[in-house]
PDB file of N, CA and C in Angstrom:
ATOM      1  N   UNK A   1       0.808  -1.200   0.000  1.00  0.00           N
ATOM      2  CA  UNK A   1       0.000   0.000   0.000  1.00  0.00           C
ATOM      3  C   UNK A   1       0.847   1.258   0.000  1.00  0.00           C
ATOM      4  N   UNK A   2       2.034   1.201   0.600  1.00  0.00           N
ATOM      5  CA  UNK A   2       2.849   2.408   0.695  1.00  0.00           C
ATOM      6  C   UNK A   2       3.261   2.932  -0.679  1.00  0.00           C
ATOM      7  N   UNK A   3       3.469   2.055  -1.656  1.00  0.00           N
ATOM      8  CA  UNK A   3       3.825   2.512  -2.998  1.00  0.00           C
ATOM      9  C   UNK A   3       2.693   3.336  -3.603  1.00  0.00           C
ATOM     10  N   UNK A   4       1.469   2.940  -3.329  1.00  0.00           N
ATOM     11  CA  UNK A   4       0.318   3.696  -3.829  1.00  0.00           C
ATOM     12  C   UNK A   4       0.263   5.064  -3.174  1.00  0.00           C
ATOM     13  N   UNK A   5       0.471   5.101  -1.883  1.00  0.00           N
ATOM     14  CA  UNK A   5       0.393   6.359  -1.155  1.00  0.00           C
ATOM     15  C   UNK A   5       1.500   7.312  -1.591  1.00  0.00           C
ATOM     16  N   UNK A   6       2.689   6.791  -1.879  1.00  0.00           N
ATOM     17  CA  UNK A   6       3.829   7.631  -2.238  1.00  0.00           C
ATOM     18  C   UNK A   6       3.817   8.084  -3.692  1.00  0.00           C
ATOM     19  N   UNK A   7       3.062   7.442  -4.533  1.00  0.00           N
ATOM     20  CA  UNK A   7       2.985   7.824  -5.943  1.00  0.00           C
ATOM     21  C   UNK A   7       1.703   8.631  -6.150  1.00  0.00           C
ATOM     22  N   UNK A   8       1.801   9.898  -6.504  1.00  0.00           N
ATOM     23  CA  UNK A   8       0.595  10.725  -6.608  1.00  0.00           C
ATOM     24  C   UNK A   8      -0.391  10.240  -7.675  1.00  0.00           C
ATOM     25  N   UNK A   9       0.102   9.659  -8.749  1.00  0.00           N
ATOM     26  CA  UNK A   9      -0.803   9.156  -9.789  1.00  0.00           C
ATOM     27  C   UNK A   9      -1.563   7.948  -9.271  1.00  0.00           C
ATOM     28  N   UNK A  10      -0.839   6.999  -8.658  1.00  0.00           N
ATOM     29  CA  UNK A  10      -1.508   5.820  -8.097  1.00  0.00           C
ATOM     30  C   UNK A  10      -2.447   6.208  -6.961  1.00  0.00           C
ATOM     31  N   UNK A  11      -2.056   7.192  -6.177  1.00  0.00           N
ATOM     32  CA  UNK A  11      -2.917   7.651  -5.087  1.00  0.00           C
ATOM     33  C   UNK A  11      -4.240   8.184  -5.634  1.00  0.00           C
ATOM     34  N   UNK A  12      -4.186   8.935  -6.738  1.00  0.00           N
ATOM     35  CA  UNK A  12      -5.419   9.464  -7.335  1.00  0.00           C
ATOM     36  C   UNK A  12      -6.274   8.335  -7.902  1.00  0.00           C
ATOM     37  N   UNK A  13      -5.631   7.396  -8.599  1.00  0.00           N
ATOM     38  CA  UNK A  13      -6.376   6.261  -9.158  1.00  0.00           C
ATOM     39  C   UNK A  13      -7.053   5.488  -8.043  1.00  0.00           C
ATOM     40  N   UNK A  14      -6.303   5.193  -6.988  1.00  0.00           N
ATOM     41  CA  UNK A  14      -6.877   4.443  -5.863  1.00  0.00           C
ATOM     42  C   UNK A  14      -8.024   5.222  -5.221  1.00  0.00           C
ATOM     43  N   UNK A  15      -7.864   6.535  -5.086  1.00  0.00           N
ATOM     44  CA  UNK A  15      -8.930   7.371  -4.531  1.00  0.00           C
ATOM     45  C   UNK A  15     -10.191   7.278  -5.405  1.00  0.00           C
ATOM     46  N   UNK A  16     -10.020   7.362  -6.713  1.00  0.00           N
ATOM     47  CA  UNK A  16     -11.166   7.265  -7.626  1.00  0.00           C
ATOM     48  C   UNK A  16     -11.874   5.915  -7.472  1.00  0.00           C
ATOM     49  N   UNK A  17     -11.110   4.850  -7.314  1.00  0.00           N
ATOM     50  CA  UNK A  17     -11.698   3.514  -7.136  1.00  0.00           C
ATOM     51  C   UNK A  17     -12.454   3.450  -5.821  1.00  0.00           C
ATOM     52  N   UNK A  18     -11.870   4.007  -4.756  1.00  0.00           N
ATOM     53  CA  UNK A  18     -12.545   4.016  -3.452  1.00  0.00           C
ATOM     54  C   UNK A  18     -13.860   4.780  -3.506  1.00  0.00           C
ATOM     55  N   UNK A  19     -13.845   5.934  -4.171  1.00  0.00           N
ATOM     56  CA  UNK A  19     -15.066   6.740  -4.303  1.00  0.00           C
ATOM     57  C   UNK A  19     -16.129   5.948  -5.069  1.00  0.00           C
ATOM     58  N   UNK A  20     -15.738   5.290  -6.149  1.00  0.00           N
ATOM     59  CA  UNK A  20     -16.686   4.491  -6.938  1.00  0.00           C
ATOM     60  C   UNK A  20     -17.204   3.311  -6.133  1.00  0.00           C
ATOM     61  N   UNK A  21     -16.344   2.680  -5.366  1.00  0.00           N
ATOM     62  CA  UNK A  21     -16.764   1.555  -4.539  1.00  0.00           C
ATOM     63  C   UNK A  21     -17.792   1.999  -3.502  1.00  0.00           C
ATOM     64  N   UNK A  22     -17.555   3.136  -2.882  1.00  0.00           N
ATOM     65  CA  UNK A  22     -18.526   3.677  -1.920  1.00  0.00           C
ATOM     66  C   UNK A  22     -19.848   4.010  -2.603  1.00  0.00           C
ATOM     67  N   UNK A  23     -19.775   4.614  -3.783  1.00  0.00           N
ATOM     68  CA  UNK A  23     -20.985   4.983  -4.526  1.00  0.00           C
ATOM     69  C   UNK A  23     -21.794   3.740  -4.905  1.00  0.00           C
ATOM     70  N   UNK A  24     -21.099   2.734  -5.429  1.00  0.00           N
ATOM     71  CA  UNK A  24     -21.778   1.507  -5.849  1.00  0.00           C
ATOM     72  C   UNK A  24     -22.396   0.779  -4.655  1.00  0.00           C
ATOM     73  N   UNK A  25     -21.689   0.776  -3.535  1.00  0.00           N
ATOM     74  CA  UNK A  25     -22.212   0.118  -2.337  1.00  0.00           C
ATOM     75  C   UNK A  25     -23.439   0.851  -1.810  1.00  0.00           C
ATOM     76  N   UNK A  26     -23.426   2.168  -1.891  1.00  0.00           N
ATOM     77  CA  UNK A  26     -24.577   2.960  -1.464  1.00  0.00           C
ATOM     78  C   UNK A  26     -25.776   2.719  -2.384  1.00  0.00           C
ATOM     79  N   UNK A  27     -25.537   2.744  -3.695  1.00  0.00           N
ATOM     80  CA  UNK A  27     -26.632   2.581  -4.656  1.00  0.00           C
ATOM     81  C   UNK A  27     -27.167   1.150  -4.703  1.00  0.00           C
ATOM     82  N   UNK A  28     -26.279   0.179  -4.465  1.00  0.00           N
ATOM     83  CA  UNK A  28     -26.644  -1.239  -4.559  1.00  0.00           C
ATOM     84  C   UNK A  28     -26.168  -1.974  -3.304  1.00  0.00           C
ATOM     85  N   UNK A  29     -26.846  -1.745  -2.175  1.00  0.00           N
ATOM     86  CA  UNK A  29     -26.375  -2.349  -0.922  1.00  0.00           C
ATOM     87  C   UNK A  29     -26.558  -3.860  -0.860  1.00  0.00           C
ATOM     88  N   UNK A  30     -27.493  -4.405  -1.602  1.00  0.00           N
ATOM     89  CA  UNK A  30     -27.769  -5.842  -1.571  1.00  0.00           C
ATOM     90  C   UNK A  30     -26.948  -6.548  -2.641  1.00  0.00           C
ATOM     91  N   UNK A  31     -25.683  -6.752  -2.326  1.00  0.00           N
ATOM     92  CA  UNK A  31     -24.755  -7.387  -3.260  1.00  0.00           C
ATOM     93  C   UNK A  31     -25.056  -8.879  -3.324  1.00  0.00           C
ATOM     94  N   UNK A  32     -25.020  -9.483  -4.516  1.00  0.00           N
ATOM     95  CA  UNK A  32     -25.323 -10.915  -4.635  1.00  0.00           C
ATOM     96  C   UNK A  32     -24.402 -11.773  -3.767  1.00  0.00           C
ATOM     97  N   UNK A  33     -24.932 -12.910  -3.367  1.00  0.00           N
ATOM     98  CA  UNK A  33     -24.139 -13.828  -2.551  1.00  0.00           C
ATOM     99  C   UNK A  33     -23.516 -14.944  -3.384  1.00  0.00           C
ATOM    100  N   UNK A  34     -23.865 -15.022  -4.666  1.00  0.00           N
ATOM    101  CA  UNK A  34     -23.296 -16.092  -5.491  1.00  0.00           C
ATOM    102  C   UNK A  34     -22.270 -15.522  -6.468  1.00  0.00           C
ATOM    103  N   UNK A  35     -21.271 -16.341  -6.745  1.00  0.00           N
ATOM    104  CA  UNK A  35     -20.157 -15.906  -7.584  1.00  0.00           C
ATOM    105  C   UNK A  35     -20.585 -15.583  -9.012  1.00  0.00           C
ATOM    106  N   UNK A  36     -21.555 -16.300  -9.537  1.00  0.00           N
ATOM    107  CA  UNK A  36     -21.977 -16.060 -10.913  1.00  0.00           C
ATOM    108  C   UNK A  36     -22.511 -14.642 -11.080  1.00  0.00           C
ATOM    109  N   UNK A  37     -23.444 -14.242 -10.233  1.00  0.00           N
ATOM    110  CA  UNK A  37     -24.006 -12.890 -10.370  1.00  0.00           C
ATOM    111  C   UNK A  37     -22.957 -11.818 -10.091  1.00  0.00           C
ATOM    112  N   UNK A  38     -22.079 -12.070  -9.135  1.00  0.00           N
ATOM    113  CA  UNK A  38     -21.006 -11.103  -8.869  1.00  0.00           C
ATOM    114  C   UNK A  38     -20.117 -10.941 -10.100  1.00  0.00           C
ATOM    115  N   UNK A  39     -19.769 -12.054 -10.708  1.00  0.00           N
ATOM    116  CA  UNK A  39     -18.911 -12.012 -11.899  1.00  0.00           C
ATOM    117  C   UNK A  39     -19.626 -11.324 -13.048  1.00  0.00           C
ATOM    118  N   UNK A  40     -20.913 -11.576 -13.192  1.00  0.00           N
ATOM    119  CA  UNK A  40     -21.665 -10.918 -14.265  1.00  0.00           C
ATOM    120  C   UNK A  40     -21.707  -9.408 -14.086  1.00  0.00           C
ATOM    121  N   UNK A  41     -21.800  -8.943 -12.852  1.00  0.00           N
ATOM    122  CA  UNK A  41     -21.775  -7.501 -12.581  1.00  0.00           C
ATOM    123  C   UNK A  41     -20.427  -6.923 -13.011  1.00  0.00           C
ATOM    124  N   UNK A  42     -19.349  -7.599 -12.620  1.00  0.00           N
ATOM    125  CA  UNK A  42     -18.012  -7.135 -12.984  1.00  0.00           C
ATOM    126  C   UNK A  42     -17.826  -7.167 -14.499  1.00  0.00           C
ATOM    127  N   UNK A  43     -18.296  -8.230 -15.140  1.00  0.00           N
ATOM    128  CA  UNK A  43     -18.156  -8.345 -16.591  1.00  0.00           C
ATOM    129  C   UNK A  43     -18.977  -7.298 -17.332  1.00  0.00           C
ATOM    130  N   UNK A  44     -20.098  -6.906 -16.778  1.00  0.00           N
ATOM    131  CA  UNK A  44     -20.903  -5.848 -17.397  1.00  0.00           C
ATOM    132  C   UNK A  44     -20.101  -4.553 -17.426  1.00  0.00           C
ATOM    133  N   UNK A  45     -19.421  -4.266 -16.334  1.00  0.00           N
ATOM    134  CA  UNK A  45     -18.567  -3.067 -16.300  1.00  0.00           C
ATOM    135  C   UNK A  45     -17.401  -3.196 -17.266  1.00  0.00           C
ATOM    136  N   UNK A  46     -16.774  -4.362 -17.292  1.00  0.00           N
ATOM    137  CA  UNK A  46     -15.668  -4.582 -18.219  1.00  0.00           C
ATOM    138  C   UNK A  46     -16.145  -4.474 -19.670  1.00  0.00           C
ATOM    139  N   UNK A  47     -17.357  -4.928 -19.942  1.00  0.00           N
ATOM    140  CA  UNK A  47     -17.917  -4.814 -21.287  1.00  0.00           C
ATOM    141  C   UNK A  47     -18.109  -3.364 -21.696  1.00  0.00           C
ATOM    142  N   UNK A  48     -18.518  -2.523 -20.752  1.00  0.00           N
ATOM    143  CA  UNK A  48     -18.666  -1.099 -21.051  1.00  0.00           C
ATOM    144  C   UNK A  48     -17.306  -0.467 -21.343  1.00  0.00           C
ATOM    145  N   UNK A  49     -16.292  -0.909 -20.614  1.00  0.00           N
ATOM    146  CA  UNK A  49     -14.939  -0.416 -20.865  1.00  0.00           C
ATOM    147  C   UNK A  49     -14.474  -0.855 -22.251  1.00  0.00           C
ATOM    148  N   UNK A  50     -14.742  -2.109 -22.603  1.00  0.00           N
ATOM    149  CA  UNK A  50     -14.349  -2.614 -23.922  1.00  0.00           C
ATOM    150  C   UNK A  50     -15.066  -1.844 -25.032  1.00  0.00           C
ATOM    151  N   UNK A  51     -16.333  -1.569 -24.829  1.00  0.00           N
ATOM    152  CA  UNK A  51     -17.113  -0.807 -25.823  1.00  0.00           C
ATOM    153  C   UNK A  51     -16.520   0.590 -26.011  1.00  0.00           C
ATOM    154  N   UNK A  52     -16.162   1.235 -24.928  1.00  0.00           N
ATOM    155  CA  UNK A  52     -15.574   2.576 -25.019  1.00  0.00           C
ATOM    156  C   UNK A  52     -14.206   2.516 -25.689  1.00  0.00           C
ATOM    157  N   UNK A  53     -13.419   1.483 -25.390  1.00  0.00           N
ATOM    158  CA  UNK A  53     -12.113   1.316 -26.037  1.00  0.00           C
ATOM    159  C   UNK A  53     -12.284   1.150 -27.541  1.00  0.00           C
ATOM    160  N   UNK A  54     -13.256   0.340 -27.950  1.00  0.00           N
ATOM    161  CA  UNK A  54     -13.528   0.158 -29.378  1.00  0.00           C
ATOM    162  C   UNK A  54     -13.936   1.471 -30.032  1.00  0.00           C
ATOM    163  N   UNK A  55     -14.739   2.260 -29.326  1.00  0.00           N
ATOM    164  CA  UNK A  55     -15.191   3.540 -29.890  1.00  0.00           C
ATOM    165  C   UNK A  55     -14.010   4.500 -30.058  1.00  0.00           C
ATOM    166  N   UNK A  56     -13.140   4.558 -29.071  1.00  0.00           N
ATOM    167  CA  UNK A  56     -11.960   5.419 -29.169  1.00  0.00           C
ATOM    168  C   UNK A  56     -11.073   4.956 -30.322  1.00  0.00           C
ATOM    169  N   UNK A  57     -10.896   3.655 -30.440  1.00  0.00           N
ATOM    170  CA  UNK A  57     -10.055   3.097 -31.498  1.00  0.00           C
ATOM    171  C   UNK A  57     -10.690   3.326 -32.871  1.00  0.00           C
ATOM    172  N   UNK A  58     -11.982   3.091 -32.980  1.00  0.00           N
ATOM    173  CA  UNK A  58     -12.702   3.236 -34.252  1.00  0.00           C
ATOM    174  C   UNK A  58     -12.644   4.656 -34.776  1.00  0.00           C
ATOM    175  N   UNK A  59     -12.712   5.624 -33.879  1.00  0.00           N
ATOM    176  CA  UNK A  59     -12.763   7.021 -34.300  1.00  0.00           C
ATOM    177  C   UNK A  59     -11.396   7.687 -34.336  1.00  0.00           C
ATOM    178  N   UNK A  60     -10.352   6.915 -34.020  1.00  0.00           N
ATOM    179  CA  UNK A  60      -9.017   7.506 -33.991  1.00  0.00           C
ATOM    180  C   UNK A  60      -8.871   8.532 -32.887  1.00  0.00           C
ATOM    181  N   UNK A  61      -9.668   8.408 -31.852  1.00  0.00           N
ATOM    182  CA  UNK A  61      -9.594   9.339 -30.737  1.00  0.00           C
ATOM    183  C   UNK A  61     -10.287  10.658 -30.995  1.00  0.00           C
ATOM    184  N   UNK A  62     -11.121  10.698 -32.034  1.00  0.00           N
ATOM    185  CA  UNK A  62     -11.835  11.928 -32.395  1.00  0.00           C
ATOM    186  C   UNK A  62     -13.327  11.764 -32.090  1.00  0.00           C
ATOM    187  N   UNK A  63     -13.909  12.769 -31.459  1.00  0.00           N
ATOM    188  CA  UNK A  63     -15.349  12.807 -31.259  1.00  0.00           C
ATOM    189  C   UNK A  63     -15.960  13.173 -32.614  1.00  0.00           C
ATOM    190  N   UNK A  64     -16.658  12.240 -33.225  1.00  0.00           N
ATOM    191  CA  UNK A  64     -17.165  12.456 -34.585  1.00  0.00           C
ATOM    192  C   UNK A  64     -18.261  13.517 -34.645  1.00  0.00           C
ATOM    193  N   UNK A  65     -18.909  13.812 -33.530  1.00  0.00           N
ATOM    194  CA  UNK A  65     -19.947  14.841 -33.526  1.00  0.00           C
ATOM    195  C   UNK A  65     -19.360  16.246 -33.498  1.00  0.00           C
ATOM    196  N   UNK A  66     -18.224  16.412 -32.795  1.00  0.00           N
ATOM    197  CA  UNK A  66     -17.628  17.744 -32.670  1.00  0.00           C
ATOM    198  C   UNK A  66     -16.331  17.892 -33.460  1.00  0.00           C
ATOM    199  N   UNK A  67     -15.817  16.780 -33.969  1.00  0.00           N
ATOM    200  CA  UNK A  67     -14.545  16.749 -34.689  1.00  0.00           C
ATOM    201  C   UNK A  67     -13.379  17.215 -33.808  1.00  0.00           C
ATOM    202  N   UNK A  68     -13.552  17.084 -32.505  1.00  0.00           N
ATOM    203  CA  UNK A  68     -12.526  17.443 -31.524  1.00  0.00           C
ATOM    204  C   UNK A  68     -11.934  16.161 -30.939  1.00  0.00           C
ATOM    205  N   UNK A  69     -10.753  16.260 -30.336  1.00  0.00           N
ATOM    206  CA  UNK A  69     -10.195  15.065 -29.685  1.00  0.00           C
ATOM    207  C   UNK A  69     -11.173  14.505 -28.648  1.00  0.00           C
ATOM    208  N   UNK A  70     -11.323  13.204 -28.688  1.00  0.00           N
ATOM    209  CA  UNK A  70     -12.247  12.524 -27.776  1.00  0.00           C
ATOM    210  C   UNK A  70     -11.605  12.429 -26.394  1.00  0.00           C
ATOM    211  N   UNK A  71     -12.366  12.787 -25.382  1.00  0.00           N
ATOM    212  CA  UNK A  71     -11.883  12.679 -24.014  1.00  0.00           C
ATOM    213  C   UNK A  71     -11.768  11.206 -23.630  1.00  0.00           C
ATOM    214  N   UNK A  72     -10.702  10.876 -22.945  1.00  0.00           N
ATOM    215  CA  UNK A  72     -10.536   9.519 -22.448  1.00  0.00           C
ATOM    216  C   UNK A  72     -11.184   9.367 -21.069  1.00  0.00           C
ATOM    217  N   UNK A  73     -11.886  10.398 -20.610  1.00  0.00           N
ATOM    218  CA  UNK A  73     -12.514  10.357 -19.289  1.00  0.00           C
ATOM    219  C   UNK A  73     -13.528   9.214 -19.190  1.00  0.00           C
ATOM    220  N   UNK A  74     -14.324   8.991 -20.239  1.00  0.00           N
ATOM    221  CA  UNK A  74     -15.305   7.898 -20.200  1.00  0.00           C
ATOM    222  C   UNK A  74     -14.604   6.548 -20.060  1.00  0.00           C
ATOM    223  N   UNK A  75     -13.515   6.372 -20.775  1.00  0.00           N
ATOM    224  CA  UNK A  75     -12.746   5.131 -20.677  1.00  0.00           C
ATOM    225  C   UNK A  75     -12.182   4.967 -19.270  1.00  0.00           C
ATOM    226  N   UNK A  76     -11.640   6.039 -18.724  1.00  0.00           N
ATOM    227  CA  UNK A  76     -11.115   5.989 -17.357  1.00  0.00           C
ATOM    228  C   UNK A  76     -12.227   5.665 -16.363  1.00  0.00           C
ATOM    229  N   UNK A  77     -13.382   6.280 -16.539  1.00  0.00           N
ATOM    230  CA  UNK A  77     -14.511   6.011 -15.641  1.00  0.00           C
ATOM    231  C   UNK A  77     -14.904   4.536 -15.674  1.00  0.00           C
ATOM    232  N   UNK A  78     -14.946   3.961 -16.857  1.00  0.00           N
ATOM    233  CA  UNK A  78     -15.331   2.546 -16.977  1.00  0.00           C
ATOM    234  C   UNK A  78     -14.279   1.639 -16.337  1.00  0.00           C
ATOM    235  N   UNK A  79     -13.013   1.993 -16.489  1.00  0.00           N
ATOM    236  CA  UNK A  79     -11.958   1.210 -15.847  1.00  0.00           C
ATOM    237  C   UNK A  79     -12.054   1.285 -14.326  1.00  0.00           C
ATOM    238  N   UNK A  80     -12.360   2.460 -13.809  1.00  0.00           N
ATOM    239  CA  UNK A  80     -12.531   2.633 -12.362  1.00  0.00           C
ATOM    240  C   UNK A  80     -13.714   1.806 -11.877  1.00  0.00           C
ATOM    241  N   UNK A  81     -14.808   1.824 -12.609  1.00  0.00           N
ATOM    242  CA  UNK A  81     -15.994   1.045 -12.218  1.00  0.00           C
ATOM    243  C   UNK A  81     -15.694  -0.451 -12.242  1.00  0.00           C
ATOM    244  N   UNK A  82     -14.951  -0.898 -13.243  1.00  0.00           N
ATOM    245  CA  UNK A  82     -14.583  -2.318 -13.312  1.00  0.00           C
ATOM    246  C   UNK A  82     -13.694  -2.684 -12.126  1.00  0.00           C
ATOM    247  N   UNK A  83     -12.710  -1.857 -11.844  1.00  0.00           N
ATOM    248  CA  UNK A  83     -11.816  -2.119 -10.710  1.00  0.00           C
ATOM    249  C   UNK A  83     -12.599  -2.169  -9.399  1.00  0.00           C
ATOM    250  N   UNK A  84     -13.540  -1.257  -9.235  1.00  0.00           N
ATOM    251  CA  UNK A  84     -14.350  -1.237  -8.006  1.00  0.00           C
ATOM    252  C   UNK A  84     -15.149  -2.521  -7.861  1.00  0.00           C
ATOM    253  N   UNK A  85     -15.691  -3.028  -8.964  1.00  0.00           N
ATOM    254  CA  UNK A  85     -16.473  -4.270  -8.882  1.00  0.00           C
ATOM    255  C   UNK A  85     -15.576  -5.479  -8.622  1.00  0.00           C
ATOM    256  N   UNK A  86     -14.354  -5.452  -9.145  1.00  0.00           N
ATOM    257  CA  UNK A  86     -13.402  -6.523  -8.821  1.00  0.00           C
ATOM    258  C   UNK A  86     -13.090  -6.507  -7.331  1.00  0.00           C
ATOM    259  N   UNK A  87     -12.848  -5.331  -6.791  1.00  0.00           N
ATOM    260  CA  UNK A  87     -12.540  -5.210  -5.367  1.00  0.00           C
ATOM    261  C   UNK A  87     -13.747  -5.603  -4.524  1.00  0.00           C
ATOM    262  N   UNK A  88     -14.929  -5.209  -4.951  1.00  0.00           N
ATOM    263  CA  UNK A  88     -16.130  -5.577  -4.193  1.00  0.00           C
ATOM    264  C   UNK A  88     -16.303  -7.091  -4.155  1.00  0.00           C
ATOM    265  N   UNK A  89     -16.056  -7.737  -5.269  1.00  0.00           N
ATOM    266  CA  UNK A  89     -16.170  -9.194  -5.317  1.00  0.00           C
ATOM    267  C   UNK A  89     -15.102  -9.847  -4.442  1.00  0.00           C
ATOM    268  N   UNK A  90     -13.886  -9.375  -4.539  1.00  0.00           N
ATOM    269  CA  UNK A  90     -12.808  -9.919  -3.701  1.00  0.00           C
ATOM    270  C   UNK A  90     -13.106  -9.713  -2.221  1.00  0.00           C
ATOM    271  N   UNK A  91     -13.628  -8.549  -1.885  1.00  0.00           N
ATOM    272  CA  UNK A  91     -13.961  -8.251  -0.497  1.00  0.00           C
ATOM    273  C   UNK A  91     -15.050  -9.183   0.024  1.00  0.00           C
ATOM    274  N   UNK A  92     -16.065  -9.412  -0.784  1.00  0.00           N
ATOM    275  CA  UNK A  92     -17.146 -10.322  -0.384  1.00  0.00           C
ATOM    276  C   UNK A  92     -16.618 -11.732  -0.178  1.00  0.00           C
ATOM    277  N   UNK A  93     -15.732 -12.175  -1.055  1.00  0.00           N
ATOM    278  CA  UNK A  93     -15.149 -13.511  -0.922  1.00  0.00           C
ATOM    279  C   UNK A  93     -14.296 -13.608   0.339  1.00  0.00           C
ATOM    280  N   UNK A  94     -13.536 -12.565   0.622  1.00  0.00           N
ATOM    281  CA  UNK A  94     -12.706 -12.557   1.831  1.00  0.00           C
ATOM    282  C   UNK A  94     -13.585 -12.610   3.085  1.00  0.00           C
ATOM    283  N   UNK A  95     -14.681 -11.864   3.058  1.00  0.00           N
ATOM    284  CA  UNK A  95     -15.602 -11.891   4.204  1.00  0.00           C
ATOM    285  C   UNK A  95     -16.190 -13.287   4.389  1.00  0.00           C
ATOM    286  N   UNK A  96     -16.546 -13.929   3.293  1.00  0.00           N
ATOM    287  CA  UNK A  96     -17.067 -15.302   3.373  1.00  0.00           C
ATOM    288  C   UNK A  96     -16.017 -16.256   3.941  1.00  0.00           C
ATOM    289  N   UNK A  97     -14.765 -16.082   3.522  1.00  0.00           N
ATOM    290  CA  UNK A  97     -13.697 -16.933   4.040  1.00  0.00           C
ATOM    291  C   UNK A  97     -13.562 -16.759   5.550  1.00  0.00           C
ATOM    292  N   UNK A  98     -13.629 -15.518   5.999  1.00  0.00           N
ATOM    293  CA  UNK A  98     -13.507 -15.245   7.437  1.00  0.00           C
ATOM    294  C   UNK A  98     -14.688 -15.781   8.219  1.00  0.00           C
ATOM    295  N   UNK A  99     -15.868 -15.721   7.608  1.00  0.00           N
ATOM    296  CA  UNK A  99     -17.073 -16.215   8.272  1.00  0.00           C
ATOM    297  C   UNK A  99     -17.230 -17.723   8.151  1.00  0.00           C
ATOM    298  N   UNK A 100     -16.394 -18.354   7.323  1.00  0.00           N
ATOM    299  CA  UNK A 100     -16.519 -19.798   7.093  1.00  0.00           C
ATOM    300  C   UNK A 100     -17.700 -20.153   6.216  1.00  0.00           C
ATOM    301  N   UNK A 101     -18.163 -19.192   5.413  1.00  0.00           N
ATOM    302  CA  UNK A 101     -19.329 -19.411   4.533  1.00  0.00           C
ATOM    303  C   UNK A 101     -18.918 -19.423   3.076  1.00  0.00           C
ATOM    304  N   UNK A 102     -17.950 -20.229   2.727  1.00  0.00           N
ATOM    305  CA  UNK A 102     -17.511 -20.290   1.329  1.00  0.00           C
ATOM    306  C   UNK A 102     -18.603 -20.930   0.488  1.00  0.00           C
ATOM    307  N   UNK A 103     -18.882 -20.304  -0.659  1.00  0.00           N
ATOM    308  CA  UNK A 103     -19.933 -20.801  -1.548  1.00  0.00           C
ATOM    309  C   UNK A 103     -19.331 -21.253  -2.851  1.00  0.00           C
TER     310      UNK A 103
END
């Protein structure tokens, strides 16, 4: 963890993931208890990231509506959301391990 704290770029990325994790937990407090649904949630986020990557690649990084450089913010947002769902799934699994409720 200290490497993240000492690197300002990693610190910002980690902060963004933490904020997204808190937001997702607030909006969706009833997280699934089975691995399949948890994985599907994470894959849905990863699919959105893949779709945005394809769009950036297809357009050469240009917003075709404005003919201006396309912001990579949407891609970054999708990556943060995917990372948050990976962490949420890992956290749930760790809690199950501690509780002795492995599924």
